[in-house]
Amino acid sequence: MYRYDRLFAGAGNRGTDAVTLLFAVPLLVIAVLGHRRGSLRWRLMLTGVLAWFLYVYATMAVGAAFNPLFALYVAVFSASLWAFVIAVSTVDVPALTGQSRLPRRAPAVLMLVSGVVTALIWWVPALAAQFTGTVPARLDSYTTLVTTATLITPAAVGPGC
């Protein structure tokens, strides 16, 4: 599937596919079922899973080398974008603020660590290339580093601060 991607990108895409199939798809099904029962916790989990699909398939639609799954990438990206917007806009904020049993510290730490690690992995090489006037090593034959250009680091770190 990723024969036109460079080795680094193709390996990353295959790993993302594995995580999506083994964890994200089953979690999406469970979160939808929990959400249908009216659980606030599962509504939040559903929002998080939809964010995963939104991020992954936005990246695949614009960052992977063209392959037979391109139309699927665009369809999943579009569906997850609208589903995410609906899920976020229908969260009952007053009910959320009254919850004391929802975990707060562990998700905040996870988001901060994820943001910092993502920044180190993707931004350090890109900024080093900018300062030295060279091309980032991981750019290969692509025109840009799609993951670097996304909002994942500020989205992960911002709410935790």
N, C-alpha and C. Protein backbone atom coordinates (compact mmCIF):
# COMPACT_ATOMS: atom_id res chain seq x y z
N MET A 1 0.82 -1.19 0.00
CA MET A 1 0.00 0.00 0.00
C MET A 1 0.87 1.26 0.00
N TYR A 2 1.98 1.23 0.70
CA TYR A 2 2.81 2.42 0.84
C TYR A 2 4.10 2.32 0.04
N ARG A 3 4.06 1.63 -1.10
CA ARG A 3 5.27 1.42 -1.89
C ARG A 3 5.83 2.71 -2.48
N TYR A 4 5.01 3.75 -2.61
CA TYR A 4 5.49 5.02 -3.14
C TYR A 4 5.95 5.98 -2.05
N ASP A 5 5.71 5.61 -0.80
CA ASP A 5 6.20 6.42 0.31
C ASP A 5 7.66 6.05 0.58
N ARG A 6 8.39 6.98 1.16
CA ARG A 6 9.75 6.69 1.58
C ARG A 6 9.70 5.73 2.76
N LEU A 7 10.82 5.10 3.05
CA LEU A 7 10.90 4.08 4.09
C LEU A 7 10.36 4.58 5.43
N PHE A 8 10.79 5.76 5.87
CA PHE A 8 10.36 6.30 7.16
C PHE A 8 8.86 6.53 7.19
N ALA A 9 8.33 7.18 6.16
CA ALA A 9 6.89 7.49 6.10
C ALA A 9 6.06 6.21 5.97
N GLY A 10 6.50 5.30 5.14
CA GLY A 10 5.76 4.05 4.96
C GLY A 10 5.71 3.23 6.24
N ALA A 11 6.82 3.17 6.95
CA ALA A 11 6.84 2.44 8.22
C ALA A 11 5.92 3.10 9.24
N GLY A 12 5.95 4.42 9.29
CA GLY A 12 5.06 5.15 10.20
C GLY A 12 3.60 4.93 9.84
N ASN A 13 3.28 4.93 8.56
CA ASN A 13 1.91 4.71 8.12
C ASN A 13 1.43 3.30 8.46
N ARG A 14 2.30 2.32 8.27
CA ARG A 14 1.92 0.94 8.63
C ARG A 14 1.70 0.80 10.13
N GLY A 15 2.54 1.44 10.92
CA GLY A 15 2.35 1.41 12.37
C GLY A 15 1.05 2.08 12.78
N THR A 16 0.75 3.22 12.15
CA THR A 16 -0.51 3.92 12.44
C THR A 16 -1.70 3.06 12.04
N ASP A 17 -1.60 2.38 10.91
CA ASP A 17 -2.67 1.47 10.49
C ASP A 17 -2.90 0.37 11.53
N ALA A 18 -1.81 -0.18 12.05
CA ALA A 18 -1.93 -1.24 13.05
C ALA A 18 -2.61 -0.74 14.32
N VAL A 19 -2.20 0.43 14.81
CA VAL A 19 -2.82 1.00 16.01
C VAL A 19 -4.29 1.30 15.76
N THR A 20 -4.59 1.83 14.58
CA THR A 20 -5.97 2.16 14.25
C THR A 20 -6.84 0.90 14.23
N LEU A 21 -6.36 -0.15 13.58
CA LEU A 21 -7.15 -1.38 13.48
C LEU A 21 -7.27 -2.13 14.81
N LEU A 22 -6.18 -2.19 15.56
CA LEU A 22 -6.18 -2.97 16.80
C LEU A 22 -6.79 -2.24 17.99
N PHE A 23 -6.67 -0.91 18.02
CA PHE A 23 -7.14 -0.17 19.19
C PHE A 23 -8.24 0.85 18.88
N ALA A 24 -8.01 1.68 17.87
CA ALA A 24 -8.95 2.79 17.64
C ALA A 24 -10.31 2.32 17.13
N VAL A 25 -10.34 1.37 16.21
CA VAL A 25 -11.64 0.89 15.69
C VAL A 25 -12.45 0.21 16.79
N PRO A 26 -11.87 -0.74 17.56
CA PRO A 26 -12.66 -1.32 18.66
C PRO A 26 -13.09 -0.28 19.70
N LEU A 27 -12.20 0.66 20.01
CA LEU A 27 -12.56 1.70 20.97
C LEU A 27 -13.67 2.59 20.43
N LEU A 28 -13.66 2.85 19.14
CA LEU A 28 -14.74 3.63 18.52
C LEU A 28 -16.08 2.92 18.70
N VAL A 29 -16.11 1.63 18.45
CA VAL A 29 -17.35 0.86 18.60
C VAL A 29 -17.83 0.89 20.05
N ILE A 30 -16.93 0.65 20.98
CA ILE A 30 -17.28 0.66 22.41
C ILE A 30 -17.74 2.05 22.83
N ALA A 31 -17.06 3.09 22.37
CA ALA A 31 -17.42 4.46 22.74
C ALA A 31 -18.80 4.84 22.18
N VAL A 32 -19.10 4.41 20.96
CA VAL A 32 -20.42 4.68 20.39
C VAL A 32 -21.50 4.00 21.22
N LEU A 33 -21.26 2.75 21.59
CA LEU A 33 -22.25 2.03 22.41
C LEU A 33 -22.43 2.69 23.78
N GLY A 34 -21.33 3.09 24.41
CA GLY A 34 -21.42 3.78 25.70
C GLY A 34 -22.10 5.13 25.58
N HIS A 35 -21.80 5.84 24.50
CA HIS A 35 -22.45 7.13 24.25
C HIS A 35 -23.96 6.97 24.08
N ARG A 36 -24.36 5.91 23.39
CA ARG A 36 -25.79 5.67 23.16
C ARG A 36 -26.54 5.39 24.46
N ARG A 37 -25.81 4.90 25.46
CA ARG A 37 -26.42 4.68 26.79
C ARG A 37 -26.49 5.98 27.59
N GLY A 38 -25.92 7.06 27.06
CA GLY A 38 -25.99 8.35 27.73
C GLY A 38 -24.85 8.64 28.68
N SER A 39 -23.78 7.87 28.62
CA SER A 39 -22.66 8.06 29.53
C SER A 39 -21.81 9.25 29.12
N LEU A 40 -21.62 10.18 30.04
CA LEU A 40 -20.77 11.33 29.79
C LEU A 40 -19.32 10.90 29.58
N ARG A 41 -18.88 9.94 30.34
CA ARG A 41 -17.50 9.43 30.21
C ARG A 41 -17.27 8.88 28.81
N TRP A 42 -18.23 8.11 28.30
CA TRP A 42 -18.07 7.53 26.97
C TRP A 42 -18.25 8.58 25.88
N ARG A 43 -19.02 9.63 26.13
CA ARG A 43 -19.12 10.73 25.16
C ARG A 43 -17.75 11.39 25.02
N LEU A 44 -17.07 11.60 26.13
CA LEU A 44 -15.74 12.19 26.07
C LEU A 44 -14.75 11.25 25.38
N MET A 45 -14.88 9.95 25.66
CA MET A 45 -14.01 8.97 24.99
C MET A 45 -14.28 8.97 23.49
N LEU A 46 -15.56 9.06 23.11
CA LEU A 46 -15.92 9.11 21.70
C LEU A 46 -15.29 10.34 21.03
N THR A 47 -15.32 11.45 21.70
CA THR A 47 -14.71 12.67 21.17
C THR A 47 -13.22 12.46 20.95
N GLY A 48 -12.56 11.83 21.91
CA GLY A 48 -11.13 11.55 21.77
C GLY A 48 -10.82 10.60 20.63
N VAL A 49 -11.62 9.56 20.49
CA VAL A 49 -11.40 8.60 19.39
C VAL A 49 -11.64 9.27 18.04
N LEU A 50 -12.66 10.10 17.97
CA LEU A 50 -12.92 10.83 16.72
C LEU A 50 -11.77 11.79 16.41
N ALA A 51 -11.16 12.37 17.43
CA ALA A 51 -9.99 13.22 17.21
C ALA A 51 -8.84 12.41 16.61
N TRP A 52 -8.67 11.18 17.07
CA TRP A 52 -7.64 10.29 16.51
C TRP A 52 -7.89 10.10 15.02
N PHE A 53 -9.13 9.70 14.67
CA PHE A 53 -9.44 9.47 13.26
C PHE A 53 -9.28 10.74 12.43
N LEU A 54 -9.68 11.86 12.98
CA LEU A 54 -9.56 13.14 12.29
C LEU A 54 -8.09 13.44 12.00
N TYR A 55 -7.26 13.32 12.99
CA TYR A 55 -5.83 13.61 12.83
C TYR A 55 -5.16 12.64 11.86
N VAL A 56 -5.40 11.35 12.08
CA VAL A 56 -4.73 10.34 11.25
C VAL A 56 -5.13 10.48 9.79
N TYR A 57 -6.42 10.61 9.52
CA TYR A 57 -6.85 10.61 8.13
C TYR A 57 -6.70 11.97 7.45
N ALA A 58 -6.60 13.04 8.21
CA ALA A 58 -6.20 14.31 7.60
C ALA A 58 -4.76 14.19 7.14
N THR A 59 -3.94 13.59 7.99
CA THR A 59 -2.53 13.39 7.64
C THR A 59 -2.39 12.47 6.43
N MET A 60 -3.16 11.39 6.40
CA MET A 60 -3.07 10.46 5.28
C MET A 60 -3.59 11.07 3.99
N ALA A 61 -4.67 11.85 4.08
CA ALA A 61 -5.26 12.44 2.87
C ALA A 61 -4.31 13.44 2.21
N VAL A 62 -3.53 14.16 3.00
CA VAL A 62 -2.65 15.17 2.42
C VAL A 62 -1.17 14.81 2.49
N GLY A 63 -0.81 13.76 3.23
CA GLY A 63 0.60 13.49 3.44
C GLY A 63 1.13 12.19 2.89
N ALA A 64 0.27 11.20 2.71
CA ALA A 64 0.75 9.92 2.18
C ALA A 64 0.85 10.01 0.66
N ALA A 65 1.77 9.25 0.11
CA ALA A 65 1.85 9.18 -1.35
C ALA A 65 0.54 8.59 -1.87
N PHE A 66 0.10 9.05 -3.03
CA PHE A 66 -1.16 8.59 -3.59
C PHE A 66 -1.15 7.07 -3.69
N ASN A 67 -2.24 6.45 -3.24
CA ASN A 67 -2.38 5.00 -3.32
C ASN A 67 -3.85 4.66 -3.48
N PRO A 68 -4.20 3.38 -3.63
CA PRO A 68 -5.59 3.00 -3.87
C PRO A 68 -6.56 3.37 -2.74
N LEU A 69 -6.07 3.71 -1.56
CA LEU A 69 -6.95 4.06 -0.45
C LEU A 69 -7.19 5.57 -0.30
N PHE A 70 -6.73 6.36 -1.27
CA PHE A 70 -6.87 7.81 -1.16
C PHE A 70 -8.32 8.23 -0.92
N ALA A 71 -9.26 7.68 -1.69
CA ALA A 71 -10.67 8.06 -1.52
C ALA A 71 -11.17 7.69 -0.12
N LEU A 72 -10.71 6.56 0.41
CA LEU A 72 -11.08 6.16 1.77
C LEU A 72 -10.51 7.15 2.79
N TYR A 73 -9.26 7.57 2.61
CA TYR A 73 -8.66 8.55 3.51
C TYR A 73 -9.50 9.83 3.56
N VAL A 74 -9.90 10.31 2.40
CA VAL A 74 -10.68 11.55 2.33
C VAL A 74 -12.05 11.33 2.97
N ALA A 75 -12.67 10.19 2.71
CA ALA A 75 -14.00 9.91 3.28
C ALA A 75 -13.95 9.82 4.80
N VAL A 76 -12.96 9.10 5.33
CA VAL A 76 -12.85 8.97 6.79
C VAL A 76 -12.49 10.32 7.41
N PHE A 77 -11.61 11.07 6.77
CA PHE A 77 -11.28 12.41 7.26
C PHE A 77 -12.53 13.28 7.33
N SER A 78 -13.30 13.32 6.26
CA SER A 78 -14.51 14.16 6.22
C SER A 78 -15.53 13.72 7.26
N ALA A 79 -15.77 12.41 7.34
CA ALA A 79 -16.75 11.90 8.31
C ALA A 79 -16.30 12.17 9.74
N SER A 80 -15.02 11.97 10.01
CA SER A 80 -14.54 12.19 11.38
C SER A 80 -14.54 13.66 11.73
N LEU A 81 -14.29 14.53 10.76
CA LEU A 81 -14.35 15.97 11.02
C LEU A 81 -15.75 16.37 11.48
N TRP A 82 -16.76 15.97 10.73
CA TRP A 82 -18.13 16.34 11.09
C TRP A 82 -18.58 15.66 12.37
N ALA A 83 -18.23 14.39 12.52
CA ALA A 83 -18.61 13.68 13.75
C ALA A 83 -17.94 14.32 14.97
N PHE A 84 -16.68 14.73 14.83
CA PHE A 84 -15.97 15.39 15.93
C PHE A 84 -16.63 16.71 16.29
N VAL A 85 -16.96 17.51 15.29
CA VAL A 85 -17.62 18.80 15.54
C VAL A 85 -18.95 18.58 16.26
N ILE A 86 -19.72 17.62 15.81
CA ILE A 86 -21.00 17.32 16.46
C ILE A 86 -20.79 16.83 17.88
N ALA A 87 -19.82 15.92 18.07
CA ALA A 87 -19.57 15.37 19.40
C ALA A 87 -19.14 16.46 20.38
N VAL A 88 -18.25 17.32 19.95
CA VAL A 88 -17.77 18.40 20.83
C VAL A 88 -18.89 19.39 21.13
N SER A 89 -19.67 19.72 20.12
CA SER A 89 -20.71 20.74 20.32
C SER A 89 -21.89 20.24 21.14
N THR A 90 -22.00 18.93 21.32
CA THR A 90 -23.13 18.40 22.10
C THR A 90 -22.74 17.91 23.48
N VAL A 91 -21.50 18.16 23.89
CA VAL A 91 -21.10 17.80 25.24
C VAL A 91 -21.84 18.72 26.22
N ASP A 92 -22.43 18.12 27.23
CA ASP A 92 -23.17 18.88 28.24
C ASP A 92 -22.15 19.47 29.22
N VAL A 93 -21.74 20.70 28.96
CA VAL A 93 -20.69 21.34 29.76
C VAL A 93 -21.09 21.48 31.23
N PRO A 94 -22.31 21.91 31.57
CA PRO A 94 -22.66 21.97 32.99
C PRO A 94 -22.56 20.61 33.69
N ALA A 95 -22.95 19.54 33.00
CA ALA A 95 -22.81 18.21 33.60
C ALA A 95 -21.35 17.83 33.76
N LEU A 96 -20.54 18.27 32.82
CA LEU A 96 -19.10 17.98 32.87
C LEU A 96 -18.43 18.68 34.04
N THR A 97 -18.78 19.93 34.28
CA THR A 97 -18.15 20.68 35.37
C THR A 97 -18.55 20.13 36.73
N GLY A 98 -19.69 19.46 36.80
CA GLY A 98 -20.13 18.90 38.07
C GLY A 98 -19.56 17.53 38.37
N GLN A 99 -18.76 16.98 37.48
CA GLN A 99 -18.20 15.64 37.66
C GLN A 99 -16.89 15.72 38.43
N SER A 100 -16.84 15.04 39.53
CA SER A 100 -15.58 15.02 40.29
C SER A 100 -14.86 13.68 40.09
N ARG A 101 -15.53 12.68 39.52
CA ARG A 101 -14.92 11.36 39.38
C ARG A 101 -14.15 11.20 38.08
N LEU A 102 -14.26 12.15 37.17
CA LEU A 102 -13.53 12.02 35.92
C LEU A 102 -12.04 12.24 36.17
N PRO A 103 -11.20 11.41 35.55
CA PRO A 103 -9.75 11.59 35.74
C PRO A 103 -9.28 12.90 35.13
N ARG A 104 -8.40 13.56 35.83
CA ARG A 104 -7.91 14.85 35.34
C ARG A 104 -6.38 14.87 35.23
N ARG A 105 -5.71 14.42 36.27
CA ARG A 105 -4.25 14.53 36.30
C ARG A 105 -3.59 13.64 35.24
N ALA A 106 -3.97 12.37 35.15
CA ALA A 106 -3.34 11.47 34.18
C ALA A 106 -3.55 11.93 32.74
N PRO A 107 -4.78 12.31 32.33
CA PRO A 107 -4.93 12.82 30.96
C PRO A 107 -4.12 14.10 30.71
N ALA A 108 -4.03 14.97 31.71
CA ALA A 108 -3.26 16.21 31.54
C ALA A 108 -1.78 15.88 31.35
N VAL A 109 -1.25 14.96 32.13
CA VAL A 109 0.15 14.56 31.99
C VAL A 109 0.37 13.91 30.63
N LEU A 110 -0.55 13.03 30.22
CA LEU A 110 -0.44 12.39 28.90
C LEU A 110 -0.40 13.43 27.79
N MET A 111 -1.28 14.41 27.85
CA MET A 111 -1.31 15.44 26.81
C MET A 111 -0.03 16.27 26.79
N LEU A 112 0.45 16.65 27.96
CA LEU A 112 1.70 17.44 28.02
C LEU A 112 2.88 16.65 27.49
N VAL A 113 3.00 15.41 27.92
CA VAL A 113 4.11 14.56 27.46
C VAL A 113 4.00 14.32 25.96
N SER A 114 2.78 14.04 25.48
CA SER A 114 2.57 13.82 24.04
C SER A 114 2.97 15.04 23.23
N GLY A 115 2.58 16.21 23.69
CA GLY A 115 2.92 17.44 22.99
C GLY A 115 4.42 17.69 22.95
N VAL A 116 5.09 17.47 24.07
CA VAL A 116 6.53 17.70 24.14
C VAL A 116 7.27 16.68 23.27
N VAL A 117 6.88 15.41 23.36
CA VAL A 117 7.54 14.38 22.55
C VAL A 117 7.33 14.65 21.07
N THR A 118 6.11 15.01 20.69
CA THR A 118 5.84 15.32 19.29
C THR A 118 6.68 16.50 18.83
N ALA A 119 6.79 17.51 19.65
CA ALA A 119 7.62 18.66 19.30
C ALA A 119 9.08 18.25 19.11
N LEU A 120 9.58 17.41 20.00
CA LEU A 120 10.98 16.98 19.89
C LEU A 120 11.20 16.16 18.63
N ILE A 121 10.29 15.23 18.34
CA ILE A 121 10.47 14.35 17.19
C ILE A 121 10.37 15.12 15.87
N TRP A 122 9.39 16.01 15.77
CA TRP A 122 9.12 16.64 14.49
C TRP A 122 9.67 18.06 14.35
N TRP A 123 9.63 18.85 15.41
CA TRP A 123 10.02 20.25 15.27
C TRP A 123 11.52 20.47 15.38
N VAL A 124 12.21 19.69 16.19
CA VAL A 124 13.65 19.91 16.35
C VAL A 124 14.38 19.74 15.01
N PRO A 125 14.15 18.64 14.26
CA PRO A 125 14.84 18.54 12.96
C PRO A 125 14.41 19.63 11.97
N ALA A 126 13.12 20.00 11.99
CA ALA A 126 12.65 21.04 11.07
C ALA A 126 13.26 22.39 11.40
N LEU A 127 13.33 22.74 12.67
CA LEU A 127 13.92 24.02 13.07
C LEU A 127 15.43 24.03 12.84
N ALA A 128 16.08 22.90 13.09
CA ALA A 128 17.52 22.82 12.84
C ALA A 128 17.81 23.05 11.36
N ALA A 129 16.98 22.47 10.49
CA ALA A 129 17.15 22.68 9.05
C ALA A 129 16.92 24.14 8.68
N GLN A 130 15.95 24.77 9.32
CA GLN A 130 15.67 26.18 9.05
C GLN A 130 16.88 27.05 9.41
N PHE A 131 17.47 26.78 10.57
CA PHE A 131 18.59 27.60 11.03
C PHE A 131 19.87 27.36 10.23
N THR A 132 20.02 26.15 9.70
CA THR A 132 21.23 25.84 8.93
C THR A 132 21.05 26.02 7.43
N GLY A 133 19.81 26.30 7.01
CA GLY A 133 19.55 26.50 5.59
C GLY A 133 19.57 25.21 4.77
N THR A 134 19.29 24.09 5.44
CA THR A 134 19.28 22.80 4.75
C THR A 134 17.85 22.26 4.69
N VAL A 135 17.71 21.09 4.14
CA VAL A 135 16.41 20.41 4.06
C VAL A 135 16.36 19.38 5.18
N PRO A 136 15.22 19.26 5.88
CA PRO A 136 15.12 18.26 6.95
C PRO A 136 15.40 16.85 6.43
N ALA A 137 16.10 16.07 7.24
CA ALA A 137 16.48 14.72 6.84
C ALA A 137 15.28 13.84 6.51
N ARG A 138 14.20 14.00 7.23
CA ARG A 138 13.03 13.14 7.02
C ARG A 138 12.12 13.62 5.90
N LEU A 139 12.48 14.68 5.24
CA LEU A 139 11.64 15.20 4.16
C LEU A 139 11.64 14.25 2.97
N ASP A 140 12.75 13.62 2.72
CA ASP A 140 12.90 12.70 1.58
C ASP A 140 12.43 13.40 0.30
N SER A 141 11.45 12.82 -0.38
CA SER A 141 10.98 13.40 -1.64
C SER A 141 9.70 14.21 -1.48
N TYR A 142 9.25 14.39 -0.25
CA TYR A 142 8.02 15.13 -0.01
C TYR A 142 8.29 16.63 -0.07
N THR A 143 7.21 17.39 -0.21
CA THR A 143 7.38 18.83 -0.28
C THR A 143 7.30 19.49 1.09
N THR A 144 6.72 18.81 2.05
CA THR A 144 6.63 19.35 3.41
C THR A 144 6.50 18.20 4.40
N LEU A 145 6.75 18.50 5.65
CA LEU A 145 6.55 17.53 6.72
C LEU A 145 5.14 17.73 7.25
N VAL A 146 4.20 16.91 6.81
CA VAL A 146 2.80 17.11 7.15
C VAL A 146 2.58 17.07 8.65
N THR A 147 3.21 16.13 9.33
CA THR A 147 3.00 16.02 10.77
C THR A 147 3.51 17.27 11.49
N THR A 148 4.60 17.83 11.02
CA THR A 148 5.14 19.03 11.64
C THR A 148 4.20 20.21 11.46
N ALA A 149 3.52 20.27 10.33
CA ALA A 149 2.67 21.41 10.02
C ALA A 149 1.31 21.35 10.73
N THR A 150 1.03 20.29 11.45
CA THR A 150 -0.27 20.17 12.11
C THR A 150 -0.27 20.89 13.44
N LEU A 151 -1.40 20.87 14.07
CA LEU A 151 -1.58 21.58 15.33
C LEU A 151 -1.49 20.66 16.54
N ILE A 152 -0.95 19.47 16.40
CA ILE A 152 -0.99 18.50 17.49
C ILE A 152 -0.24 19.00 18.73
N THR A 153 0.92 19.58 18.56
CA THR A 153 1.67 20.03 19.74
C THR A 153 0.93 21.12 20.50
N PRO A 154 0.50 22.21 19.84
CA PRO A 154 -0.25 23.21 20.61
C PRO A 154 -1.57 22.69 21.15
N ALA A 155 -2.22 21.81 20.41
CA ALA A 155 -3.49 21.25 20.90
C ALA A 155 -3.27 20.37 22.12
N ALA A 156 -2.16 19.66 22.15
CA ALA A 156 -1.88 18.78 23.29
C ALA A 156 -1.38 19.57 24.49
N VAL A 157 -0.51 20.53 24.27
CA VAL A 157 0.11 21.25 25.38
C VAL A 157 -0.79 22.39 25.88
N GLY A 158 -1.45 23.08 24.98
CA GLY A 158 -2.24 24.27 25.34
C GLY A 158 -3.26 24.05 26.46
N PRO A 159 -4.16 23.05 26.33
CA PRO A 159 -5.16 22.86 27.40
C PRO A 159 -4.55 22.45 28.73
N GLY A 160 -3.37 21.83 28.70
CA GLY A 160 -2.76 21.38 29.95
C GLY A 160 -2.09 22.49 30.73
N CYS A 161 -1.82 23.60 30.07
CA CYS A 161 -1.11 24.70 30.74
C CYS A 161 -2.04 25.56 31.56
